[in-house]
């Protein structure tokens, strides 16, 4: 399916003292996709954004109609980029994409590594105090890729699925285990052993199995310590 690619610089985040690169704009020509992301793209806080396991963020254009139904006709939803995505397509969602799926994209090879965990910067991006929690609660989160083979890509390149290593583990199933049925031991044990899943997510499952507790999401969702 044809793709739109988006990149953005670090800039002040309105309403805060923080910087962010959540504002992305479409790219008009070819660009290099390297092991840590798209040429010309940036991340303000490398502790929680970017890196090899979150090199590329994909957000389905399919979700925009649902958000307009929920939130009204926000100008931010008129075009891709509202959620800080690097890749926008139609026809792929968390229901159909699985962890470990490998895609050919132009001259590059990419693999789904994890779901997106929305953070508090979305609240300021949209001017809606609980927007990050809404994204998490709906499961319209998007996902990340790791780059298996760097290469040159161009707007309109097809995302061609070439292998499915864990087809039962759709992103929707992973979301449900993480955020809905949160202490299901069988699911957590399977997640902890899912080697195509990013290590950070496997650690979440291991800690829940060991502690019997759910991590505190407030710092991520609300920006509170």
N, C-alpha and C. Protein backbone atom coordinates (compact mmCIF):
# COMPACT_ATOMS: atom_id res chain seq x y z
N UNK A 1 0.84 -1.18 0.00
CA UNK A 1 0.00 0.00 0.00
C UNK A 1 0.89 1.25 0.00
N UNK A 2 0.55 2.29 -0.77
CA UNK A 2 1.38 3.48 -0.84
C UNK A 2 1.48 4.17 0.52
N UNK A 3 2.60 4.83 0.74
CA UNK A 3 2.86 5.44 2.04
C UNK A 3 3.16 6.92 1.91
N UNK A 4 2.89 7.64 3.01
CA UNK A 4 3.35 9.00 3.20
C UNK A 4 4.38 8.96 4.32
N UNK A 5 5.51 9.63 4.13
CA UNK A 5 6.55 9.70 5.14
C UNK A 5 6.58 11.11 5.72
N UNK A 6 6.81 11.18 7.03
CA UNK A 6 6.81 12.46 7.72
C UNK A 6 8.01 12.57 8.66
N UNK A 7 8.59 13.74 8.72
CA UNK A 7 9.70 14.00 9.63
C UNK A 7 9.48 15.35 10.30
N UNK A 8 10.25 15.62 11.35
CA UNK A 8 10.12 16.91 12.02
C UNK A 8 11.29 17.20 12.92
N UNK A 9 11.55 18.50 13.17
CA UNK A 9 12.65 18.90 14.05
C UNK A 9 12.19 19.03 15.50
N UNK A 10 13.13 19.16 16.39
CA UNK A 10 12.83 19.48 17.78
C UNK A 10 12.42 20.95 17.87
N UNK A 11 11.34 21.22 18.59
CA UNK A 11 10.84 22.58 18.75
C UNK A 11 10.12 22.68 20.09
N UNK A 12 9.92 23.91 20.61
CA UNK A 12 9.17 24.06 21.86
C UNK A 12 7.76 23.50 21.72
N UNK A 13 7.29 22.84 22.76
CA UNK A 13 5.94 22.29 22.79
C UNK A 13 5.01 23.30 23.43
N UNK A 14 4.03 23.76 22.68
CA UNK A 14 3.14 24.82 23.15
C UNK A 14 2.52 24.46 24.50
N UNK A 15 2.49 25.43 25.40
CA UNK A 15 1.86 25.23 26.69
C UNK A 15 2.74 24.56 27.72
N UNK A 16 4.00 24.32 27.39
CA UNK A 16 4.92 23.64 28.31
C UNK A 16 6.29 24.31 28.24
N UNK A 17 7.18 23.86 29.11
CA UNK A 17 8.59 24.29 29.05
C UNK A 17 9.43 23.24 28.34
N UNK A 18 8.79 22.23 27.77
CA UNK A 18 9.49 21.12 27.15
C UNK A 18 9.66 21.33 25.65
N UNK A 19 10.62 20.62 25.09
CA UNK A 19 10.78 20.53 23.64
C UNK A 19 10.21 19.21 23.16
N UNK A 20 9.85 19.16 21.90
CA UNK A 20 9.29 17.94 21.31
C UNK A 20 9.49 17.97 19.80
N UNK A 21 9.52 16.79 19.21
CA UNK A 21 9.53 16.68 17.75
C UNK A 21 8.26 16.00 17.27
N UNK A 22 7.18 16.17 18.03
CA UNK A 22 5.93 15.49 17.69
C UNK A 22 5.29 16.06 16.43
N UNK A 23 5.60 17.31 16.09
CA UNK A 23 5.03 17.92 14.88
C UNK A 23 5.83 17.46 13.66
N UNK A 24 5.20 16.65 12.82
CA UNK A 24 5.85 16.09 11.63
C UNK A 24 5.17 16.61 10.36
N UNK A 25 5.96 16.75 9.30
CA UNK A 25 5.43 17.20 8.02
C UNK A 25 5.78 16.20 6.93
N UNK A 26 4.93 16.06 5.90
CA UNK A 26 5.21 15.10 4.82
C UNK A 26 6.50 15.44 4.08
N UNK A 27 7.19 14.39 3.66
CA UNK A 27 8.42 14.51 2.89
C UNK A 27 8.08 14.39 1.41
N UNK A 28 8.67 15.25 0.59
CA UNK A 28 8.31 15.28 -0.83
C UNK A 28 9.15 14.36 -1.70
N UNK A 29 10.36 14.03 -1.28
CA UNK A 29 11.25 13.26 -2.13
C UNK A 29 11.90 12.11 -1.40
N UNK A 30 12.83 11.41 -2.07
CA UNK A 30 13.50 10.26 -1.46
C UNK A 30 14.28 10.66 -0.22
N UNK A 31 14.41 9.74 0.72
CA UNK A 31 15.22 9.97 1.91
C UNK A 31 15.75 8.64 2.41
N UNK A 32 16.79 8.72 3.21
CA UNK A 32 17.46 7.54 3.73
C UNK A 32 16.78 7.08 5.01
N UNK A 33 16.53 5.79 5.10
CA UNK A 33 16.03 5.17 6.33
C UNK A 33 17.17 4.38 6.93
N UNK A 34 17.68 4.86 8.06
CA UNK A 34 18.79 4.22 8.73
C UNK A 34 18.34 3.41 9.93
N UNK A 35 19.28 2.89 10.66
CA UNK A 35 18.98 2.00 11.78
C UNK A 35 18.23 2.68 12.91
N UNK A 36 18.31 4.02 12.99
CA UNK A 36 17.60 4.73 14.05
C UNK A 36 16.56 5.71 13.51
N UNK A 37 16.18 5.55 12.24
CA UNK A 37 15.07 6.34 11.76
C UNK A 37 15.31 7.04 10.45
N UNK A 38 14.38 7.94 10.11
CA UNK A 38 14.38 8.63 8.84
C UNK A 38 15.34 9.80 8.84
N UNK A 39 16.02 9.97 7.74
CA UNK A 39 16.87 11.14 7.52
C UNK A 39 16.06 12.41 7.75
N UNK A 40 16.59 13.32 8.57
CA UNK A 40 15.91 14.59 8.81
C UNK A 40 14.91 14.56 9.95
N UNK A 41 14.69 13.39 10.56
CA UNK A 41 13.77 13.31 11.69
C UNK A 41 14.54 13.43 12.99
N UNK A 42 13.85 13.91 14.03
CA UNK A 42 14.51 14.13 15.32
C UNK A 42 13.62 13.66 16.45
N UNK A 43 14.22 13.47 17.63
CA UNK A 43 13.50 13.16 18.86
C UNK A 43 14.08 14.04 19.96
N UNK A 44 13.20 14.67 20.74
CA UNK A 44 13.66 15.60 21.77
C UNK A 44 14.20 14.89 23.00
N UNK A 45 13.59 13.79 23.37
CA UNK A 45 13.97 13.06 24.59
C UNK A 45 14.34 11.64 24.21
N UNK A 46 15.62 11.39 24.02
CA UNK A 46 16.07 10.09 23.54
C UNK A 46 15.96 9.01 24.62
N UNK A 47 15.64 9.38 25.84
CA UNK A 47 15.43 8.35 26.86
C UNK A 47 14.19 7.52 26.57
N UNK A 48 13.18 8.16 25.97
CA UNK A 48 11.90 7.47 25.77
C UNK A 48 11.43 7.45 24.32
N UNK A 49 12.11 8.20 23.45
CA UNK A 49 11.73 8.22 22.04
C UNK A 49 12.93 7.85 21.17
N UNK A 50 12.65 7.25 20.05
CA UNK A 50 13.71 6.90 19.12
C UNK A 50 14.51 5.69 19.57
N UNK A 51 15.65 5.49 18.93
CA UNK A 51 16.46 4.31 19.19
C UNK A 51 16.10 3.18 18.25
N UNK A 52 16.91 2.13 18.23
CA UNK A 52 16.71 1.05 17.26
C UNK A 52 15.35 0.36 17.33
N UNK A 53 14.77 0.23 18.53
CA UNK A 53 13.49 -0.46 18.65
C UNK A 53 12.29 0.44 18.37
N UNK A 54 12.54 1.74 18.28
CA UNK A 54 11.49 2.71 17.95
C UNK A 54 12.00 3.64 16.86
N UNK A 55 12.55 3.04 15.83
CA UNK A 55 13.17 3.83 14.76
C UNK A 55 12.14 4.55 13.91
N UNK A 56 10.99 3.93 13.70
CA UNK A 56 9.96 4.47 12.81
C UNK A 56 8.59 4.27 13.46
N UNK A 57 7.82 5.35 13.52
CA UNK A 57 6.47 5.27 14.10
C UNK A 57 5.43 5.29 12.99
N UNK A 58 4.56 4.29 12.99
CA UNK A 58 3.49 4.15 11.99
C UNK A 58 2.16 4.39 12.69
N UNK A 59 1.36 5.32 12.13
CA UNK A 59 0.02 5.54 12.65
C UNK A 59 -0.98 5.43 11.51
N UNK A 60 -2.00 4.58 11.66
CA UNK A 60 -2.96 4.36 10.56
C UNK A 60 -3.80 5.60 10.28
N UNK A 61 -3.86 5.98 9.02
CA UNK A 61 -4.76 7.05 8.60
C UNK A 61 -6.22 6.64 8.83
N UNK A 62 -6.46 5.34 8.87
CA UNK A 62 -7.81 4.81 9.12
C UNK A 62 -8.41 5.34 10.42
N UNK A 63 -7.57 5.62 11.41
CA UNK A 63 -8.08 6.05 12.72
C UNK A 63 -8.56 7.50 12.72
N UNK A 64 -8.15 8.27 11.74
CA UNK A 64 -8.49 9.69 11.78
C UNK A 64 -10.00 9.93 11.76
N UNK A 65 -10.73 9.14 10.99
CA UNK A 65 -12.19 9.30 10.95
C UNK A 65 -12.80 9.01 12.32
N UNK A 66 -12.27 8.01 13.03
CA UNK A 66 -12.77 7.70 14.37
C UNK A 66 -12.50 8.85 15.33
N UNK A 67 -11.30 9.45 15.21
CA UNK A 67 -10.98 10.57 16.09
C UNK A 67 -11.85 11.79 15.77
N UNK A 68 -12.13 12.02 14.50
CA UNK A 68 -13.02 13.13 14.16
C UNK A 68 -14.42 12.91 14.73
N UNK A 69 -14.86 11.65 14.71
CA UNK A 69 -16.17 11.33 15.30
C UNK A 69 -16.15 11.59 16.80
N UNK A 70 -15.03 11.31 17.45
CA UNK A 70 -14.91 11.48 18.90
C UNK A 70 -14.70 12.94 19.30
N UNK A 71 -13.90 13.65 18.53
CA UNK A 71 -13.41 14.95 18.96
C UNK A 71 -13.97 16.12 18.18
N UNK A 72 -14.63 15.85 17.06
CA UNK A 72 -15.09 16.93 16.20
C UNK A 72 -14.07 17.23 15.11
N UNK A 73 -14.35 18.23 14.34
CA UNK A 73 -13.53 18.56 13.17
C UNK A 73 -12.33 19.42 13.57
N UNK A 74 -11.39 18.81 14.26
CA UNK A 74 -10.15 19.52 14.60
C UNK A 74 -9.30 19.69 13.35
N UNK A 75 -8.74 20.88 13.18
CA UNK A 75 -7.87 21.12 12.03
C UNK A 75 -6.67 20.18 12.03
N UNK A 76 -6.22 19.79 13.21
CA UNK A 76 -5.07 18.90 13.34
C UNK A 76 -5.31 17.55 12.66
N UNK A 77 -6.58 17.17 12.54
CA UNK A 77 -6.93 15.88 11.96
C UNK A 77 -7.20 15.94 10.46
N UNK A 78 -6.90 17.08 9.85
CA UNK A 78 -7.17 17.23 8.42
C UNK A 78 -6.14 16.52 7.55
N UNK A 79 -4.98 16.20 8.11
CA UNK A 79 -3.91 15.57 7.33
C UNK A 79 -3.04 14.73 8.24
N UNK A 80 -2.31 13.76 7.70
CA UNK A 80 -1.42 12.94 8.53
C UNK A 80 -0.42 13.80 9.29
N UNK A 81 0.02 13.27 10.44
CA UNK A 81 1.02 13.94 11.25
C UNK A 81 0.53 14.36 12.61
N UNK A 82 -0.75 14.23 12.88
CA UNK A 82 -1.30 14.68 14.16
C UNK A 82 -0.71 13.93 15.35
N UNK A 83 -0.34 12.68 15.14
CA UNK A 83 0.11 11.84 16.24
C UNK A 83 1.63 11.66 16.26
N UNK A 84 2.33 12.46 15.51
CA UNK A 84 3.79 12.37 15.50
C UNK A 84 4.31 11.21 14.70
N UNK A 85 3.50 10.71 13.76
CA UNK A 85 3.89 9.53 13.00
C UNK A 85 4.91 9.85 11.92
N UNK A 86 5.74 8.85 11.62
CA UNK A 86 6.67 8.91 10.49
C UNK A 86 6.11 8.27 9.24
N UNK A 87 5.18 7.34 9.41
CA UNK A 87 4.59 6.60 8.29
C UNK A 87 3.08 6.65 8.42
N UNK A 88 2.41 7.00 7.32
CA UNK A 88 0.95 7.02 7.29
C UNK A 88 0.48 6.19 6.10
N UNK A 89 -0.46 5.27 6.37
CA UNK A 89 -1.05 4.45 5.32
C UNK A 89 -2.53 4.24 5.63
N UNK A 90 -3.25 3.76 4.65
CA UNK A 90 -4.61 3.27 4.85
C UNK A 90 -4.62 1.76 4.61
N UNK A 91 -5.47 1.05 5.37
CA UNK A 91 -5.62 -0.37 5.16
C UNK A 91 -4.82 -1.26 6.10
N UNK A 92 -4.07 -0.66 7.01
CA UNK A 92 -3.33 -1.42 8.02
C UNK A 92 -3.70 -0.87 9.38
N UNK A 93 -4.12 -1.75 10.30
CA UNK A 93 -4.41 -1.31 11.66
C UNK A 93 -3.86 -2.34 12.64
N UNK A 94 -4.02 -2.03 13.92
CA UNK A 94 -3.55 -2.93 14.98
C UNK A 94 -4.26 -4.27 14.95
N UNK A 95 -5.42 -4.32 14.32
CA UNK A 95 -6.17 -5.58 14.21
C UNK A 95 -5.48 -6.56 13.25
N UNK A 96 -4.77 -6.04 12.27
CA UNK A 96 -4.23 -6.89 11.20
C UNK A 96 -2.72 -7.01 11.22
N UNK A 97 -2.04 -6.09 11.88
CA UNK A 97 -0.57 -6.11 11.92
C UNK A 97 -0.12 -6.82 13.19
N UNK A 98 0.90 -7.67 13.07
CA UNK A 98 1.39 -8.44 14.21
C UNK A 98 2.84 -8.09 14.53
N UNK A 99 3.18 -8.24 15.79
CA UNK A 99 4.57 -8.08 16.20
C UNK A 99 5.44 -9.07 15.41
N UNK A 100 6.57 -8.59 14.92
CA UNK A 100 7.46 -9.45 14.16
C UNK A 100 7.23 -9.44 12.67
N UNK A 101 6.12 -8.82 12.21
CA UNK A 101 5.88 -8.73 10.76
C UNK A 101 7.03 -7.99 10.09
N UNK A 102 7.49 -8.51 8.97
CA UNK A 102 8.60 -7.92 8.23
C UNK A 102 8.07 -7.38 6.90
N UNK A 103 8.44 -6.15 6.60
CA UNK A 103 7.98 -5.48 5.38
C UNK A 103 9.18 -5.01 4.56
N UNK A 104 9.03 -5.11 3.24
CA UNK A 104 9.94 -4.45 2.32
C UNK A 104 9.38 -3.06 2.05
N UNK A 105 10.21 -2.04 2.21
CA UNK A 105 9.80 -0.66 1.98
C UNK A 105 10.89 0.02 1.16
N UNK A 106 10.64 0.19 -0.13
CA UNK A 106 11.68 0.73 -0.99
C UNK A 106 12.93 -0.12 -0.90
N UNK A 107 14.05 0.49 -0.60
CA UNK A 107 15.30 -0.25 -0.47
C UNK A 107 15.58 -0.74 0.93
N UNK A 108 14.61 -0.58 1.84
CA UNK A 108 14.81 -0.96 3.24
C UNK A 108 13.96 -2.16 3.62
N UNK A 109 14.33 -2.77 4.74
CA UNK A 109 13.59 -3.88 5.32
C UNK A 109 13.31 -3.52 6.78
N UNK A 110 12.03 -3.54 7.18
CA UNK A 110 11.65 -3.13 8.52
C UNK A 110 10.79 -4.20 9.18
N UNK A 111 10.78 -4.19 10.52
CA UNK A 111 10.05 -5.21 11.28
C UNK A 111 9.29 -4.54 12.42
N UNK A 112 8.04 -4.93 12.62
CA UNK A 112 7.24 -4.41 13.72
C UNK A 112 7.85 -4.86 15.03
N UNK A 113 8.16 -3.91 15.90
CA UNK A 113 8.87 -4.22 17.15
C UNK A 113 8.00 -4.10 18.39
N UNK A 114 7.02 -3.18 18.39
CA UNK A 114 6.18 -2.98 19.58
C UNK A 114 5.05 -2.02 19.24
N UNK A 115 4.06 -1.96 20.12
CA UNK A 115 3.02 -0.95 20.01
C UNK A 115 3.54 0.38 20.52
N UNK A 116 2.84 1.45 20.18
CA UNK A 116 3.21 2.77 20.69
C UNK A 116 2.56 2.97 22.06
N UNK A 117 3.33 3.47 23.01
CA UNK A 117 2.80 3.84 24.32
C UNK A 117 2.65 5.36 24.32
N UNK A 118 1.43 5.86 24.23
CA UNK A 118 1.24 7.30 24.12
C UNK A 118 1.71 8.04 25.36
N UNK A 119 2.23 9.25 25.16
CA UNK A 119 2.72 10.03 26.30
C UNK A 119 2.00 11.37 26.39
N UNK A 120 2.24 12.05 27.48
CA UNK A 120 1.54 13.28 27.85
C UNK A 120 1.69 14.40 26.83
N UNK A 121 2.68 14.33 25.97
CA UNK A 121 2.84 15.40 24.98
C UNK A 121 1.66 15.45 24.00
N UNK A 122 0.97 14.33 23.82
CA UNK A 122 -0.24 14.34 23.01
C UNK A 122 -1.32 15.23 23.63
N UNK A 123 -1.36 15.33 24.95
CA UNK A 123 -2.35 16.18 25.61
C UNK A 123 -2.19 17.63 25.17
N UNK A 124 -0.95 18.07 25.06
CA UNK A 124 -0.68 19.45 24.66
C UNK A 124 -0.79 19.62 23.14
N UNK A 125 -0.42 18.60 22.42
CA UNK A 125 -0.53 18.64 20.96
C UNK A 125 -1.98 18.88 20.54
N UNK A 126 -2.91 18.20 21.21
CA UNK A 126 -4.33 18.30 20.86
C UNK A 126 -5.09 19.34 21.70
N UNK A 127 -4.48 19.81 22.78
CA UNK A 127 -5.21 20.70 23.68
C UNK A 127 -6.31 19.99 24.42
N UNK A 128 -6.14 18.69 24.66
CA UNK A 128 -7.12 17.85 25.36
C UNK A 128 -6.39 17.17 26.52
N UNK A 129 -6.74 17.49 27.78
CA UNK A 129 -5.93 17.05 28.92
C UNK A 129 -5.72 15.55 29.05
N UNK A 130 -6.65 14.75 28.54
CA UNK A 130 -6.52 13.29 28.68
C UNK A 130 -6.34 12.60 27.32
N UNK A 131 -5.79 13.30 26.34
CA UNK A 131 -5.68 12.71 25.00
C UNK A 131 -4.81 11.46 25.00
N UNK A 132 -3.70 11.48 25.71
CA UNK A 132 -2.83 10.29 25.73
C UNK A 132 -3.58 9.09 26.29
N UNK A 133 -4.35 9.32 27.34
CA UNK A 133 -5.11 8.20 27.92
C UNK A 133 -6.19 7.72 26.94
N UNK A 134 -6.81 8.63 26.21
CA UNK A 134 -7.80 8.23 25.21
C UNK A 134 -7.16 7.35 24.14
N UNK A 135 -5.98 7.72 23.69
CA UNK A 135 -5.28 6.92 22.69
C UNK A 135 -5.01 5.53 23.24
N UNK A 136 -4.52 5.46 24.47
CA UNK A 136 -4.25 4.16 25.09
C UNK A 136 -5.52 3.35 25.27
N UNK A 137 -6.57 3.98 25.77
CA UNK A 137 -7.80 3.25 26.09
C UNK A 137 -8.52 2.73 24.85
N UNK A 138 -8.41 3.43 23.73
CA UNK A 138 -9.07 2.98 22.50
C UNK A 138 -8.27 1.90 21.78
N UNK A 139 -6.98 1.81 22.06
CA UNK A 139 -6.13 0.89 21.31
C UNK A 139 -5.71 1.43 19.95
N UNK A 140 -6.07 2.67 19.66
CA UNK A 140 -5.63 3.31 18.40
C UNK A 140 -4.26 3.94 18.66
N UNK A 141 -3.29 3.12 18.87
CA UNK A 141 -1.99 3.60 19.35
C UNK A 141 -0.96 3.76 18.25
N UNK A 142 -1.09 3.00 17.16
CA UNK A 142 0.00 2.91 16.21
C UNK A 142 1.07 1.96 16.72
N UNK A 143 2.18 1.91 15.99
CA UNK A 143 3.24 0.96 16.35
C UNK A 143 4.59 1.44 15.83
N UNK A 144 5.63 0.71 16.23
CA UNK A 144 6.99 1.04 15.84
C UNK A 144 7.62 -0.09 15.03
N UNK A 145 8.62 0.32 14.23
CA UNK A 145 9.45 -0.62 13.50
C UNK A 145 10.90 -0.52 13.95
N UNK A 146 11.60 -1.64 13.91
CA UNK A 146 13.06 -1.66 13.89
C UNK A 146 13.49 -1.80 12.43
N UNK A 147 14.66 -1.33 12.11
CA UNK A 147 15.15 -1.38 10.73
C UNK A 147 16.13 -2.54 10.60
N UNK A 148 15.75 -3.55 9.83
CA UNK A 148 16.61 -4.71 9.62
C UNK A 148 17.64 -4.45 8.53
N UNK A 149 17.27 -3.66 7.55
CA UNK A 149 18.16 -3.34 6.45
C UNK A 149 17.93 -1.89 6.04
N UNK A 150 18.88 -0.99 6.31
CA UNK A 150 18.72 0.41 5.90
C UNK A 150 18.62 0.52 4.38
N UNK A 151 18.03 1.61 3.92
CA UNK A 151 17.92 1.81 2.48
C UNK A 151 17.23 3.10 2.13
N UNK A 152 17.19 3.40 0.86
CA UNK A 152 16.55 4.60 0.35
C UNK A 152 15.06 4.33 0.13
N UNK A 153 14.22 5.25 0.60
CA UNK A 153 12.78 5.11 0.43
C UNK A 153 12.23 6.39 -0.20
N UNK A 154 11.06 6.29 -0.80
CA UNK A 154 10.44 7.43 -1.47
C UNK A 154 8.95 7.44 -1.18
N UNK A 155 8.34 8.63 -1.07
CA UNK A 155 6.88 8.71 -0.89
C UNK A 155 6.16 7.90 -1.96
N UNK A 156 5.16 7.12 -1.52
CA UNK A 156 4.42 6.27 -2.44
C UNK A 156 4.95 4.86 -2.53
N UNK A 157 6.16 4.60 -1.97
CA UNK A 157 6.65 3.22 -1.95
C UNK A 157 5.62 2.31 -1.27
N UNK A 158 5.53 1.11 -1.78
CA UNK A 158 4.60 0.13 -1.18
C UNK A 158 5.23 -0.52 0.05
N UNK A 159 4.39 -0.74 1.05
CA UNK A 159 4.79 -1.56 2.21
C UNK A 159 4.39 -2.99 1.88
N UNK A 160 5.36 -3.83 1.54
CA UNK A 160 5.07 -5.20 1.12
C UNK A 160 5.41 -6.17 2.24
N UNK A 161 4.40 -6.86 2.75
CA UNK A 161 4.62 -7.86 3.78
C UNK A 161 5.35 -9.06 3.19
N UNK A 162 6.51 -9.41 3.78
CA UNK A 162 7.27 -10.54 3.24
C UNK A 162 7.40 -11.70 4.21
N UNK A 163 7.11 -11.46 5.52
CA UNK A 163 7.18 -12.57 6.47
C UNK A 163 6.39 -12.23 7.72
N UNK A 164 5.80 -13.26 8.33
CA UNK A 164 5.08 -13.11 9.60
C UNK A 164 5.65 -14.13 10.57
N UNK A 165 6.36 -13.64 11.58
CA UNK A 165 7.04 -14.55 12.51
C UNK A 165 6.18 -14.90 13.72
N UNK A 166 5.19 -14.08 14.03
CA UNK A 166 4.30 -14.36 15.17
C UNK A 166 2.89 -13.91 14.82
N UNK A 167 2.28 -14.55 13.82
CA UNK A 167 0.99 -14.05 13.30
C UNK A 167 -0.13 -14.01 14.33
N UNK A 168 -0.06 -14.84 15.37
CA UNK A 168 -1.10 -14.83 16.39
C UNK A 168 -1.02 -13.58 17.29
N UNK A 169 0.15 -12.94 17.29
CA UNK A 169 0.35 -11.81 18.19
C UNK A 169 0.11 -10.49 17.47
N UNK A 170 -1.17 -10.24 17.13
CA UNK A 170 -1.50 -8.95 16.56
C UNK A 170 -1.25 -7.86 17.61
N UNK A 171 -1.10 -6.65 17.14
CA UNK A 171 -0.91 -5.53 18.07
C UNK A 171 -2.14 -5.32 18.93
N UNK A 172 -3.30 -5.66 18.41
CA UNK A 172 -4.52 -5.56 19.21
C UNK A 172 -4.49 -6.54 20.37
N UNK A 173 -4.04 -7.75 20.13
CA UNK A 173 -3.93 -8.73 21.21
C UNK A 173 -2.91 -8.27 22.24
N UNK A 174 -1.79 -7.74 21.79
CA UNK A 174 -0.77 -7.24 22.70
C UNK A 174 -1.33 -6.09 23.53
N UNK A 175 -2.04 -5.17 22.88
CA UNK A 175 -2.67 -4.07 23.60
C UNK A 175 -3.62 -4.58 24.68
N UNK A 176 -4.45 -5.57 24.32
CA UNK A 176 -5.41 -6.09 25.29
C UNK A 176 -4.71 -6.68 26.52
N UNK A 177 -3.64 -7.40 26.28
CA UNK A 177 -2.90 -8.01 27.39
C UNK A 177 -2.24 -6.95 28.28
N UNK A 178 -1.78 -5.87 27.66
CA UNK A 178 -1.07 -4.84 28.42
C UNK A 178 -2.02 -3.91 29.16
N UNK A 179 -3.19 -3.61 28.57
CA UNK A 179 -4.02 -2.54 29.10
C UNK A 179 -5.43 -2.94 29.51
N UNK A 180 -5.88 -4.14 29.19
CA UNK A 180 -7.23 -4.57 29.53
C UNK A 180 -7.19 -5.78 30.46
N UNK A 181 -6.75 -6.90 29.97
CA UNK A 181 -6.64 -8.14 30.76
C UNK A 181 -5.22 -8.21 31.31
N UNK A 182 -4.91 -7.35 32.25
CA UNK A 182 -3.53 -6.96 32.54
C UNK A 182 -2.72 -7.94 33.37
N UNK A 183 -3.39 -8.85 34.06
CA UNK A 183 -2.66 -9.82 34.89
C UNK A 183 -2.99 -11.25 34.47
N UNK A 184 -3.28 -11.44 33.21
CA UNK A 184 -3.51 -12.77 32.66
C UNK A 184 -2.16 -13.47 32.54
N UNK A 185 -1.90 -14.43 33.42
CA UNK A 185 -0.56 -15.01 33.51
C UNK A 185 -0.16 -15.73 32.23
N UNK A 186 -1.10 -16.41 31.60
CA UNK A 186 -0.76 -17.13 30.38
C UNK A 186 -0.31 -16.16 29.29
N UNK A 187 -1.04 -15.03 29.15
CA UNK A 187 -0.66 -14.03 28.15
C UNK A 187 0.68 -13.39 28.51
N UNK A 188 0.86 -13.06 29.78
CA UNK A 188 2.12 -12.43 30.20
C UNK A 188 3.31 -13.36 29.99
N UNK A 189 3.13 -14.63 30.27
CA UNK A 189 4.22 -15.58 30.05
C UNK A 189 4.57 -15.68 28.57
N UNK A 190 3.55 -15.64 27.73
CA UNK A 190 3.79 -15.69 26.29
C UNK A 190 4.49 -14.42 25.81
N UNK A 191 4.09 -13.27 26.35
CA UNK A 191 4.72 -12.01 25.97
C UNK A 191 6.18 -12.00 26.41
N UNK A 192 6.46 -12.46 27.62
CA UNK A 192 7.83 -12.47 28.13
C UNK A 192 8.74 -13.33 27.27
N UNK A 193 8.17 -14.32 26.60
CA UNK A 193 8.97 -15.23 25.77
C UNK A 193 8.93 -14.88 24.29
N UNK A 194 8.27 -13.76 23.93
CA UNK A 194 8.08 -13.39 22.53
C UNK A 194 9.33 -12.66 22.02
N UNK A 195 10.23 -13.39 21.41
CA UNK A 195 11.55 -12.82 21.13
C UNK A 195 11.53 -11.75 20.04
N UNK A 196 10.48 -11.67 19.23
CA UNK A 196 10.42 -10.61 18.22
C UNK A 196 9.87 -9.30 18.79
N UNK A 197 9.40 -9.33 20.03
CA UNK A 197 8.90 -8.14 20.70
C UNK A 197 10.06 -7.39 21.34
N UNK A 198 9.99 -6.06 21.35
CA UNK A 198 11.03 -5.24 21.96
C UNK A 198 11.26 -5.66 23.41
N UNK A 199 12.52 -5.63 23.82
CA UNK A 199 12.89 -6.11 25.15
C UNK A 199 12.16 -5.36 26.26
N UNK A 200 11.95 -4.06 26.08
CA UNK A 200 11.27 -3.28 27.11
C UNK A 200 9.88 -3.80 27.40
N UNK A 201 9.16 -4.20 26.37
CA UNK A 201 7.81 -4.75 26.58
C UNK A 201 7.88 -6.12 27.23
N UNK A 202 8.86 -6.92 26.90
CA UNK A 202 9.00 -8.22 27.56
C UNK A 202 9.29 -8.04 29.05
N UNK A 203 10.04 -6.99 29.38
CA UNK A 203 10.32 -6.71 30.80
C UNK A 203 9.06 -6.34 31.55
N UNK A 204 8.16 -5.58 30.92
CA UNK A 204 6.88 -5.27 31.57
C UNK A 204 6.18 -6.56 31.98
N UNK A 205 6.12 -7.51 31.06
CA UNK A 205 5.43 -8.76 31.35
C UNK A 205 6.12 -9.51 32.48
N UNK A 206 7.45 -9.56 32.44
CA UNK A 206 8.20 -10.26 33.50
C UNK A 206 7.96 -9.63 34.85
N UNK A 207 7.99 -8.31 34.92
CA UNK A 207 7.79 -7.64 36.21
C UNK A 207 6.38 -7.88 36.74
N UNK A 208 5.38 -7.88 35.86
CA UNK A 208 4.02 -8.16 36.33
C UNK A 208 3.90 -9.58 36.87
N UNK A 209 4.53 -10.52 36.18
CA UNK A 209 4.50 -11.90 36.65
C UNK A 209 5.15 -12.03 38.02
N UNK A 210 6.24 -11.30 38.22
CA UNK A 210 6.98 -11.42 39.49
C UNK A 210 6.31 -10.67 40.63
N UNK A 211 5.71 -9.51 40.32
CA UNK A 211 5.17 -8.65 41.38
C UNK A 211 3.67 -8.78 41.58
N UNK A 212 2.96 -9.20 40.52
CA UNK A 212 1.50 -9.23 40.59
C UNK A 212 0.89 -7.85 40.58
N UNK A 213 1.67 -6.84 40.13
CA UNK A 213 1.19 -5.46 40.13
C UNK A 213 1.32 -4.85 38.74
N UNK A 214 0.49 -3.82 38.50
CA UNK A 214 0.52 -3.06 37.26
C UNK A 214 1.35 -1.80 37.48
N UNK A 215 2.18 -1.47 36.53
CA UNK A 215 3.00 -0.27 36.64
C UNK A 215 2.14 0.99 36.65
N UNK A 216 2.65 2.06 37.22
CA UNK A 216 1.95 3.34 37.29
C UNK A 216 2.13 4.07 35.96
N UNK A 217 1.02 4.31 35.25
CA UNK A 217 1.09 4.95 33.94
C UNK A 217 1.00 6.48 34.02
N UNK A 218 0.74 7.02 35.19
CA UNK A 218 0.49 8.47 35.28
C UNK A 218 1.65 9.32 34.79
N UNK A 219 2.90 9.01 35.14
CA UNK A 219 3.99 9.85 34.62
C UNK A 219 4.01 9.92 33.10
N UNK A 220 3.76 8.82 32.45
CA UNK A 220 3.78 8.79 30.97
C UNK A 220 2.55 9.49 30.39
N UNK A 221 1.39 9.25 30.96
CA UNK A 221 0.15 9.76 30.39
C UNK A 221 -0.16 11.20 30.79
N UNK A 222 0.30 11.59 31.99
CA UNK A 222 -0.06 12.90 32.51
C UNK A 222 1.14 13.83 32.68
N UNK A 223 2.34 13.29 32.56
CA UNK A 223 3.53 14.11 32.76
C UNK A 223 3.79 14.42 34.20
N UNK A 224 3.29 13.59 35.13
CA UNK A 224 3.46 13.81 36.55
C UNK A 224 4.44 12.81 37.12
N UNK A 225 5.27 13.25 38.04
CA UNK A 225 6.25 12.36 38.69
C UNK A 225 5.53 11.47 39.68
